């Protein structure tokens, strides 16, 4: 959905922000692990938690925002299903510092960015573009701009910045995903160095993919069903 990496593994800063999807949000709340998870995000270097806000009830969203602030994180509401109703409902939550829209919004904008920004004031509008969606005209309405270049290597990512015409723009960040691996630590060290050298910011985010906790459950379920079927 807003710092340099050092070579030594123990000093690698893992993320600028975390994406908290709605499934993990409910899991953390139900298991009383929300506070420790938010604190762990902060310890990883994150300053922002981007909360997947589409389907979570308003009281839950307010609670998460409150706990995030207590943990030292800036809460940003990330909308992935940008219906006018969702944008209006989540945009009205004053407990969030910003509302973030992404490629789902820009594929078919349901409202003008200028109107959306005006409705949020004085809070911020964050915009996360796919490379093919980016335009300076749209980006000028956004308080935070990043372009999603998630799975490319270091050199192709730098080349993308030149191809998009954003090289040297400090107001435009390249967003990359860190999966928690040592390989990504090394790659991000290159990103920090090379993206910084051309004058852009890098926005690194992490996500606890729910597959990590869903896969063992579903695997066990399918194994049980298979045994029952074979017997």
Protein backbone atom coordinates (compact mmCIF):
# COMPACT_ATOMS: atom_id res chain seq x y z
CA UNK A 1 0.00 0.00 0.00
CA UNK A 2 5.71 4.95 3.28
CA UNK A 3 17.47 4.17 5.34
CA UNK A 4 20.16 2.51 3.98
CA UNK A 5 20.88 -1.18 4.11
CA UNK A 6 24.31 -2.08 5.39
CA UNK A 7 26.27 -5.09 4.25
CA UNK A 8 26.49 -6.81 7.63
CA UNK A 9 23.54 -9.19 8.07
CA UNK A 10 22.94 -8.15 11.69
CA UNK A 11 22.37 -4.51 10.64
CA UNK A 12 20.09 -5.12 7.65
CA UNK A 13 16.96 -3.05 7.98
CA UNK A 14 14.23 -5.40 6.86
CA UNK A 15 11.35 -3.10 5.96
CA UNK A 16 10.03 0.43 5.73
CA UNK A 17 6.46 -0.81 6.12
CA UNK A 18 4.40 -3.94 6.69
CA UNK A 19 1.22 -4.93 4.91
CA UNK A 20 -1.29 -6.42 7.35
CA UNK A 21 -3.85 -8.39 5.35
CA UNK A 22 -7.31 -8.88 6.79
CA UNK A 23 -6.80 -12.61 7.41
CA UNK A 24 -3.69 -12.09 9.51
CA UNK A 25 -5.38 -9.16 11.25
CA UNK A 26 -8.19 -11.45 12.42
CA UNK A 27 -5.72 -14.20 13.32
CA UNK A 28 -3.60 -11.85 15.43
CA UNK A 29 -6.66 -10.39 17.14
CA UNK A 30 -8.21 -13.78 17.84
CA UNK A 31 -4.97 -15.21 19.24
CA UNK A 32 -4.14 -12.06 21.25
CA UNK A 33 -0.94 -11.60 19.23
CA UNK A 34 -1.64 -8.24 17.62
CA UNK A 35 0.55 -6.20 19.98
CA UNK A 36 3.59 -8.53 19.75
CA UNK A 37 3.25 -8.65 15.95
CA UNK A 38 3.11 -4.86 15.69
CA UNK A 39 6.09 -4.54 18.01
CA UNK A 40 8.01 -7.04 15.88
CA UNK A 41 7.25 -4.96 12.78
CA UNK A 42 8.67 -1.90 14.51
CA UNK A 43 11.76 -3.81 15.57
CA UNK A 44 12.29 -4.81 11.94
CA UNK A 45 12.63 -1.12 11.10
CA UNK A 46 9.10 -0.47 9.85
CA UNK A 47 7.57 2.95 10.42
CA UNK A 48 4.25 2.16 8.73
CA UNK A 49 1.64 -0.59 8.92
CA UNK A 50 -0.66 -0.73 5.89
CA UNK A 51 -3.91 -2.35 6.99
CA UNK A 52 -6.02 -4.17 4.39
CA UNK A 53 -9.24 -2.38 5.27
CA UNK A 54 -11.81 -3.55 2.70
CA UNK A 55 -13.78 -6.03 4.81
CA UNK A 56 -12.76 -5.34 8.38
CA UNK A 57 -15.46 -3.65 10.51
CA UNK A 58 -14.84 -0.06 11.58
CA UNK A 59 -14.40 -0.90 15.31
CA UNK A 60 -11.72 -3.47 14.41
CA UNK A 61 -9.95 -0.99 12.14
CA UNK A 62 -9.98 1.65 14.88
CA UNK A 63 -8.58 -0.83 17.40
CA UNK A 64 -5.74 -1.84 15.06
CA UNK A 65 -4.90 1.81 14.35
CA UNK A 66 -4.80 2.56 18.10
CA UNK A 67 -2.52 -0.39 18.84
CA UNK A 68 -0.30 0.47 15.87
CA UNK A 69 0.25 3.98 17.19
CA UNK A 70 1.03 2.55 20.62
CA UNK A 71 3.70 0.41 18.94
CA UNK A 72 5.20 3.44 17.18
CA UNK A 73 3.78 2.68 13.73
CA UNK A 74 1.90 5.02 11.40
CA UNK A 75 -1.42 3.35 10.46
CA UNK A 76 -2.40 3.56 6.79
CA UNK A 77 -5.67 2.07 5.49
CA UNK A 78 -5.04 0.16 2.25
CA UNK A 79 -8.05 -0.27 -0.06
CA UNK A 80 -7.87 -3.07 -2.62
CA UNK A 81 -11.57 -3.15 -3.52
CA UNK A 82 -12.06 0.52 -4.39
CA UNK A 83 -15.82 0.85 -4.52
CA UNK A 84 -17.22 4.32 -3.76
CA UNK A 85 -18.75 2.88 -0.56
CA UNK A 86 -15.44 1.42 0.65
CA UNK A 87 -13.53 4.59 -0.12
CA UNK A 88 -16.06 6.75 1.70
CA UNK A 89 -16.36 4.44 4.72
CA UNK A 90 -12.64 3.86 5.27
CA UNK A 91 -11.75 7.41 4.30
CA UNK A 92 -13.89 8.66 7.16
CA UNK A 93 -11.81 6.82 9.79
CA UNK A 94 -9.86 9.65 11.39
CA UNK A 95 -7.72 7.16 13.33
CA UNK A 96 -5.75 6.46 10.14
CA UNK A 97 -3.07 8.87 8.98
CA UNK A 98 -3.63 8.06 5.32
CA UNK A 99 -5.69 6.06 2.86
CA UNK A 100 -3.75 4.12 0.23
CA UNK A 101 -5.07 3.07 -3.17
CA UNK A 102 -3.22 0.74 -5.53
CA UNK A 103 -3.39 -0.75 -9.00
CA UNK A 104 -6.96 -1.97 -8.43
CA UNK A 105 -8.03 1.66 -8.14
CA UNK A 106 -6.06 2.86 -11.16
CA UNK A 107 -7.35 0.07 -13.38
CA UNK A 108 -10.77 1.76 -13.31
CA UNK A 109 -10.90 4.81 -10.99
CA UNK A 110 -14.34 5.00 -9.35
CA UNK A 111 -13.78 8.63 -8.31
CA UNK A 112 -11.38 11.38 -9.34
CA UNK A 113 -8.15 11.43 -7.36
CA UNK A 114 -8.57 15.15 -6.74
CA UNK A 115 -11.98 14.55 -5.14
CA UNK A 116 -10.67 11.67 -3.06
CA UNK A 117 -7.76 13.74 -1.79
CA UNK A 118 -10.06 16.64 -0.91
CA UNK A 119 -12.36 14.33 1.05
CA UNK A 120 -9.43 13.05 3.15
CA UNK A 121 -7.94 16.41 4.16
CA UNK A 122 -5.99 16.96 6.31
CA UNK A 123 -5.03 13.27 6.16
CA UNK A 124 -2.90 11.92 3.34
CA UNK A 125 -3.63 10.07 0.11
CA UNK A 126 -1.09 7.37 -0.76
CA UNK A 127 -0.89 6.00 -4.28
CA UNK A 128 0.80 2.75 -5.32
CA UNK A 129 1.00 2.31 -9.10
CA UNK A 130 1.87 -0.58 -11.35
CA UNK A 131 4.56 0.62 -13.79
CA UNK A 132 2.14 0.80 -16.73
CA UNK A 133 -0.35 2.88 -14.72
CA UNK A 134 1.95 5.62 -13.54
CA UNK A 135 1.56 9.17 -14.80
CA UNK A 136 2.82 12.43 -13.40
CA UNK A 137 -0.64 13.96 -13.84
CA UNK A 138 -2.22 11.37 -11.52
CA UNK A 139 0.71 11.31 -9.09
CA UNK A 140 0.55 15.04 -8.41
CA UNK A 141 -2.60 14.45 -6.32
CA UNK A 142 -0.83 11.97 -4.02
CA UNK A 143 1.08 12.65 -0.80
CA UNK A 144 3.06 9.41 -1.16
CA UNK A 145 3.83 7.84 -4.52
CA UNK A 146 5.40 4.46 -5.12
CA UNK A 147 5.68 2.26 -8.17
CA UNK A 148 5.44 -1.48 -7.64
CA UNK A 149 8.56 -3.20 -9.00
CA UNK A 150 8.37 -6.26 -6.79
CA UNK A 151 10.06 -9.20 -8.43
CA UNK A 152 12.83 -7.74 -10.55
CA UNK A 153 16.54 -7.81 -9.88
CA UNK A 154 18.62 -4.79 -9.01
CA UNK A 155 19.70 -3.71 -12.52
CA UNK A 156 16.25 -4.19 -14.14
CA UNK A 157 14.69 -2.17 -11.31
CA UNK A 158 17.05 0.73 -11.96
CA UNK A 159 16.35 0.44 -15.69
CA UNK A 160 12.61 0.64 -14.96
CA UNK A 161 13.10 3.96 -13.17
CA UNK A 162 14.73 5.42 -16.29
CA UNK A 163 12.11 3.93 -18.62
CA UNK A 164 9.30 5.45 -16.56
CA UNK A 165 11.01 8.84 -16.50
CA UNK A 166 11.13 8.99 -12.72
CA UNK A 167 14.88 8.67 -12.17
CA UNK A 168 16.04 11.37 -9.80
CA UNK A 169 12.55 12.17 -8.45
CA UNK A 170 12.75 12.12 -4.65
CA UNK A 171 8.97 12.39 -4.47
CA UNK A 172 8.55 9.02 -6.21
CA UNK A 173 9.59 5.79 -4.51
CA UNK A 174 10.32 2.40 -5.99
CA UNK A 175 8.36 -0.16 -3.98
CA UNK A 176 9.93 -3.59 -3.55
CA UNK A 177 8.85 -6.62 -1.55
CA UNK A 178 11.09 -8.33 1.00
CA UNK A 179 10.19 -11.97 1.65
CA UNK A 180 12.34 -12.33 4.75
CA UNK A 181 15.08 -14.39 3.11
CA UNK A 182 18.85 -13.85 3.18
CA UNK A 183 18.70 -13.61 -0.63
CA UNK A 184 16.37 -10.63 -0.35
CA UNK A 185 18.69 -9.08 2.26
CA UNK A 186 21.49 -9.13 -0.33
CA UNK A 187 19.25 -7.90 -3.13
CA UNK A 188 17.90 -5.04 -1.01
CA UNK A 189 21.42 -3.98 -0.15
CA UNK A 190 21.94 -3.52 -3.89
CA UNK A 191 18.58 -1.76 -4.25
CA UNK A 192 19.39 0.71 -1.49
CA UNK A 193 22.72 1.52 -3.06
CA UNK A 194 21.67 1.74 -6.72
CA UNK A 195 18.27 3.39 -6.29
CA UNK A 196 19.82 5.92 -3.93
CA UNK A 197 22.56 6.62 -6.46
CA UNK A 198 20.05 7.71 -9.12
CA UNK A 199 18.24 9.96 -6.63
CA UNK A 200 15.07 7.98 -5.89
CA UNK A 201 13.68 6.62 -2.65
CA UNK A 202 13.13 2.93 -2.04
CA UNK A 203 10.04 1.79 -0.15
CA UNK A 204 10.51 -1.76 1.12
CA UNK A 205 7.53 -3.61 2.51
CA UNK A 206 7.06 -7.03 4.02
CA UNK A 207 4.01 -9.22 4.39
CA UNK A 208 3.38 -12.26 6.53
CA UNK A 209 1.80 -14.26 3.75
CA UNK A 210 -1.10 -16.21 5.30
CA UNK A 211 -0.01 -19.21 3.22
CA UNK A 212 2.68 -19.70 5.87
CA UNK A 213 0.05 -20.58 8.45
CA UNK A 214 -2.74 -21.76 6.14
CA UNK A 215 -0.61 -24.31 4.25
CA UNK A 216 0.06 -26.63 7.25
CA UNK A 217 -3.64 -26.53 8.13
CA UNK A 218 -4.87 -27.27 4.61
CA UNK A 219 -2.15 -29.90 4.09
CA UNK A 220 -3.27 -31.72 7.23
CA UNK A 221 -6.90 -31.45 6.19
CA UNK A 222 -6.24 -32.91 2.74
CA UNK A 223 -4.13 -35.72 4.23
CA UNK A 224 -6.92 -36.60 6.64
CA UNK A 225 -9.51 -36.55 3.85
CA UNK A 226 -7.23 -38.71 1.71
CA UNK A 227 -6.87 -41.30 4.47
CA UNK A 228 -10.59 -41.34 5.07
CA UNK A 229 -11.24 -41.78 1.37
CA UNK A 230 -8.72 -44.62 1.04
CA UNK A 231 -10.17 -46.44 4.06
